[in-house]
Amino acid sequence: MIVPSPVGAGLLHGVPAGPKLAGLAIAALPLTLFPQGPLSIAVCLATVLALYPIAGVPLSAAVTELWRLRAVLLVLAIALAVFVSPVAAWVSTGRVAVLLLLAALLTLTTRMADLLAVLQRLLRPLRRVGVDPEAVSMAVSLTLTMVPVVAGLAQRVRDAERARGVRLGVRSVVPLLVLTLRHADQVGDALAARGVG
């Protein structure tokens, strides 16, 4: 499936990166800091899904994002349902899905270079206390781009399961974790080779 380009004619494509990043932060804060109920999570999820076509991004892109991350979301939901409660599973998994969809919408409608420039400007005053704005903005951009990477690694694990005719279930988290850590090591080595960090 084709992923929409950050260059487009949708409503959000023309909005500067700064206000969009601020909007993401404003939406994320109450979701993470304040307790949510099952109904409010459902409303948040419906609102975020409605934002995709309004922003000029096909709704199929949101479905694709959720499908890519289905292994992570399912493991989280099952673990919470078993060890806490089904309501907690719905609320927590829904919260994570909303945040991931918002972050995906931001990256789908914003050039990464514009995001980095905004982050560097915001972090520049912290240089006085030893914070490197370039390094932090690079870390944030790597974090944002890791979401589809981890989703791709999860797909590799599922493909390997099908090829071998086995079904690991929840245990598939172990090879996914190994692949993710190996990828992180490779990224770290590549950055170190270029003198970053």
Protein backbone atom coordinates (compact mmCIF):
# COMPACT_ATOMS: atom_id res chain seq x y z
CA MET A 1 0.00 0.00 0.00
CA ILE A 2 1.29 3.45 -0.88
CA VAL A 3 2.04 5.69 2.09
CA PRO A 4 0.96 9.32 1.55
CA SER A 5 3.79 11.74 1.01
CA PRO A 6 4.41 14.64 3.42
CA VAL A 7 4.11 16.84 0.34
CA GLY A 8 0.39 17.14 -0.37
CA ALA A 9 -2.61 19.40 -0.69
CA GLY A 10 -4.49 18.32 2.43
CA LEU A 11 -5.60 20.61 5.22
CA LEU A 12 -2.67 19.73 7.50
CA HIS A 13 -0.02 19.65 4.78
CA GLY A 14 0.04 23.45 4.62
CA VAL A 15 0.25 23.95 8.41
CA PRO A 16 3.80 24.65 9.64
CA ALA A 17 5.57 21.94 11.61
CA GLY A 18 5.61 24.01 14.84
CA PRO A 19 1.82 24.24 15.36
CA LYS A 20 1.40 20.58 14.41
CA LEU A 21 4.04 19.51 16.92
CA ALA A 22 2.39 21.69 19.56
CA GLY A 23 -0.98 20.11 18.73
CA LEU A 24 0.48 16.64 19.16
CA ALA A 25 1.94 17.61 22.55
CA ILE A 26 -1.35 19.21 23.69
CA ALA A 27 -3.27 16.08 22.68
CA ALA A 28 -0.74 13.70 24.22
CA LEU A 29 -0.50 15.37 27.63
CA PRO A 30 -4.09 14.79 28.84
CA LEU A 31 -4.05 11.28 27.34
CA THR A 32 -0.97 10.32 29.32
CA LEU A 33 -1.42 12.35 32.52
CA PHE A 34 -5.14 12.00 33.26
CA PRO A 35 -7.18 8.80 33.73
CA GLN A 36 -9.45 7.94 30.81
CA GLY A 37 -12.64 5.94 30.66
CA PRO A 38 -13.71 3.43 27.98
CA LEU A 39 -16.10 5.93 26.36
CA SER A 40 -13.58 8.79 26.25
CA ILE A 41 -10.98 6.51 24.64
CA ALA A 42 -13.55 5.47 22.01
CA VAL A 43 -14.31 9.14 21.30
CA CYS A 44 -10.59 9.96 21.05
CA LEU A 45 -10.01 7.07 18.66
CA ALA A 46 -12.96 8.08 16.46
CA THR A 47 -11.76 11.71 16.45
CA VAL A 48 -8.24 10.78 15.39
CA LEU A 49 -9.54 8.52 12.63
CA ALA A 50 -11.77 11.38 11.43
CA LEU A 51 -8.71 13.67 11.31
CA TYR A 52 -7.06 11.56 8.60
CA PRO A 53 -9.49 12.33 5.74
CA ILE A 54 -9.84 15.92 7.01
CA ALA A 55 -6.05 16.25 6.79
CA GLY A 56 -6.05 14.91 3.24
CA VAL A 57 -4.62 11.51 4.22
CA PRO A 58 -6.60 8.40 3.22
CA LEU A 59 -8.23 6.57 6.10
CA SER A 60 -6.54 3.46 4.76
CA ALA A 61 -3.23 4.94 5.97
CA ALA A 62 -4.54 4.87 9.57
CA VAL A 63 -5.74 1.30 9.13
CA THR A 64 -2.32 0.38 7.72
CA GLU A 65 -0.56 1.91 10.73
CA LEU A 66 -2.74 -0.07 13.14
CA TRP A 67 -2.31 -3.26 11.10
CA ARG A 68 1.48 -2.87 11.14
CA LEU A 69 1.44 -2.56 14.91
CA ARG A 70 -1.19 -5.23 15.55
CA ALA A 71 1.30 -7.59 17.23
CA VAL A 72 2.38 -4.96 19.78
CA LEU A 73 -1.19 -3.81 20.41
CA LEU A 74 -2.48 -7.37 20.75
CA VAL A 75 0.26 -8.37 23.21
CA LEU A 76 -0.46 -5.27 25.30
CA ALA A 77 -4.21 -5.85 25.21
CA ILE A 78 -3.97 -9.55 26.08
CA ALA A 79 -1.50 -8.97 28.92
CA LEU A 80 -3.65 -6.25 30.48
CA ALA A 81 -6.87 -8.21 30.01
CA VAL A 82 -5.36 -11.25 31.75
CA PHE A 83 -3.49 -9.50 34.56
CA VAL A 84 -5.65 -6.40 35.15
CA SER A 85 -9.06 -6.27 33.46
CA PRO A 86 -10.66 -6.07 30.00
CA VAL A 87 -11.59 -2.44 30.65
CA ALA A 88 -7.97 -1.57 31.48
CA ALA A 89 -6.88 -3.42 28.34
CA TRP A 90 -9.25 -1.36 26.16
CA VAL A 91 -8.32 1.95 27.79
CA SER A 92 -4.53 1.47 27.74
CA THR A 93 -4.37 -0.13 24.29
CA GLY A 94 -6.73 2.51 22.91
CA ARG A 95 -4.58 5.27 24.41
CA VAL A 96 -1.46 3.83 22.77
CA ALA A 97 -3.29 3.47 19.44
CA VAL A 98 -4.47 7.10 19.57
CA LEU A 99 -0.96 8.40 20.30
CA LEU A 100 0.57 6.26 17.55
CA LEU A 101 -2.05 7.39 15.03
CA LEU A 102 -1.46 11.05 15.95
CA ALA A 103 2.31 10.64 15.58
CA ALA A 104 1.81 8.87 12.24
CA LEU A 105 -0.45 11.68 11.02
CA LEU A 106 2.22 14.20 11.98
CA THR A 107 4.92 12.36 10.04
CA LEU A 108 2.63 11.75 7.06
CA THR A 109 1.88 15.46 6.68
CA THR A 110 5.22 16.99 7.69
CA ARG A 111 8.70 16.88 6.20
CA MET A 112 11.21 15.42 8.64
CA ALA A 113 13.59 18.32 7.90
CA ASP A 114 10.89 20.78 9.04
CA LEU A 115 10.31 18.81 12.25
CA LEU A 116 14.03 18.73 13.01
CA ALA A 117 14.32 22.47 12.43
CA VAL A 118 11.47 23.19 14.86
CA LEU A 119 12.88 20.86 17.52
CA GLN A 120 16.33 22.44 17.24
CA ARG A 121 14.83 25.93 17.67
CA LEU A 122 12.83 24.82 20.72
CA LEU A 123 15.83 23.15 22.34
CA ARG A 124 18.40 25.86 21.55
CA PRO A 125 17.94 27.71 24.90
CA LEU A 126 18.83 24.46 26.71
CA ARG A 127 22.31 24.54 25.20
CA ARG A 128 23.35 26.67 28.22
CA VAL A 129 22.71 23.72 30.53
CA GLY A 130 24.60 21.23 28.37
CA VAL A 131 21.81 19.95 26.12
CA ASP A 132 22.81 19.39 22.49
CA PRO A 133 19.76 20.45 20.38
CA GLU A 134 21.01 18.64 17.28
CA ALA A 135 21.50 15.36 19.14
CA VAL A 136 18.11 15.53 20.87
CA SER A 137 16.26 16.40 17.66
CA MET A 138 18.05 13.53 15.93
CA ALA A 139 16.95 11.18 18.73
CA VAL A 140 13.33 12.33 18.38
CA SER A 141 13.39 11.85 14.60
CA LEU A 142 14.88 8.38 15.04
CA THR A 143 12.14 7.56 17.55
CA LEU A 144 9.42 8.67 15.13
CA THR A 145 10.90 6.66 12.28
CA MET A 146 11.34 3.58 14.48
CA VAL A 147 7.58 2.96 14.61
CA PRO A 148 7.33 1.70 10.99
CA VAL A 149 10.70 -0.06 11.38
CA VAL A 150 9.48 -2.08 14.38
CA ALA A 151 6.26 -2.81 12.49
CA GLY A 152 8.36 -4.14 9.61
CA LEU A 153 10.39 -6.32 11.98
CA ALA A 154 7.15 -7.71 13.44
CA GLN A 155 6.06 -8.60 9.91
CA ARG A 156 9.38 -10.43 9.39
CA VAL A 157 8.76 -12.48 12.52
CA ARG A 158 5.25 -13.39 11.33
CA ASP A 159 6.58 -14.32 7.87
CA ALA A 160 9.22 -16.55 9.47
CA GLU A 161 6.54 -18.23 11.59
CA ARG A 162 4.42 -18.96 8.51
CA ALA A 163 7.44 -20.23 6.54
CA ARG A 164 8.27 -22.70 9.34
CA GLY A 165 4.67 -23.65 9.99
CA VAL A 166 4.81 -22.65 13.65
CA ARG A 167 2.74 -20.31 15.79
CA LEU A 168 4.65 -18.65 18.63
CA GLY A 169 1.78 -16.48 19.85
CA VAL A 170 2.88 -14.20 22.70
CA ARG A 171 6.37 -15.75 22.56
CA SER A 172 6.92 -13.97 19.22
CA VAL A 173 7.76 -10.89 21.31
CA VAL A 174 11.17 -12.48 22.07
CA PRO A 175 12.47 -12.62 18.46
CA LEU A 176 10.90 -9.20 17.82
CA LEU A 177 12.81 -7.78 20.80
CA VAL A 178 16.06 -9.38 19.57
CA LEU A 179 15.60 -7.95 16.05
CA THR A 180 14.75 -4.50 17.46
CA LEU A 181 17.83 -4.44 19.71
CA ARG A 182 20.02 -5.62 16.82
CA HIS A 183 18.62 -2.84 14.62
CA ALA A 184 19.27 -0.30 17.40
CA ASP A 185 22.89 -1.49 17.61
CA GLN A 186 23.29 -1.10 13.84
CA VAL A 187 21.85 2.42 13.93
CA GLY A 188 24.15 3.30 16.84
CA ASP A 189 27.20 1.94 14.98
CA ALA A 190 26.23 3.88 11.84
CA LEU A 191 25.83 7.10 13.82
CA ALA A 192 29.13 6.55 15.64
CA ALA A 193 30.89 5.94 12.32
CA ARG A 194 29.62 9.34 11.17
CA GLY A 195 30.79 11.04 14.35
CA VAL A 196 27.32 11.50 15.84
CA GLY A 197 26.86 10.98 19.56
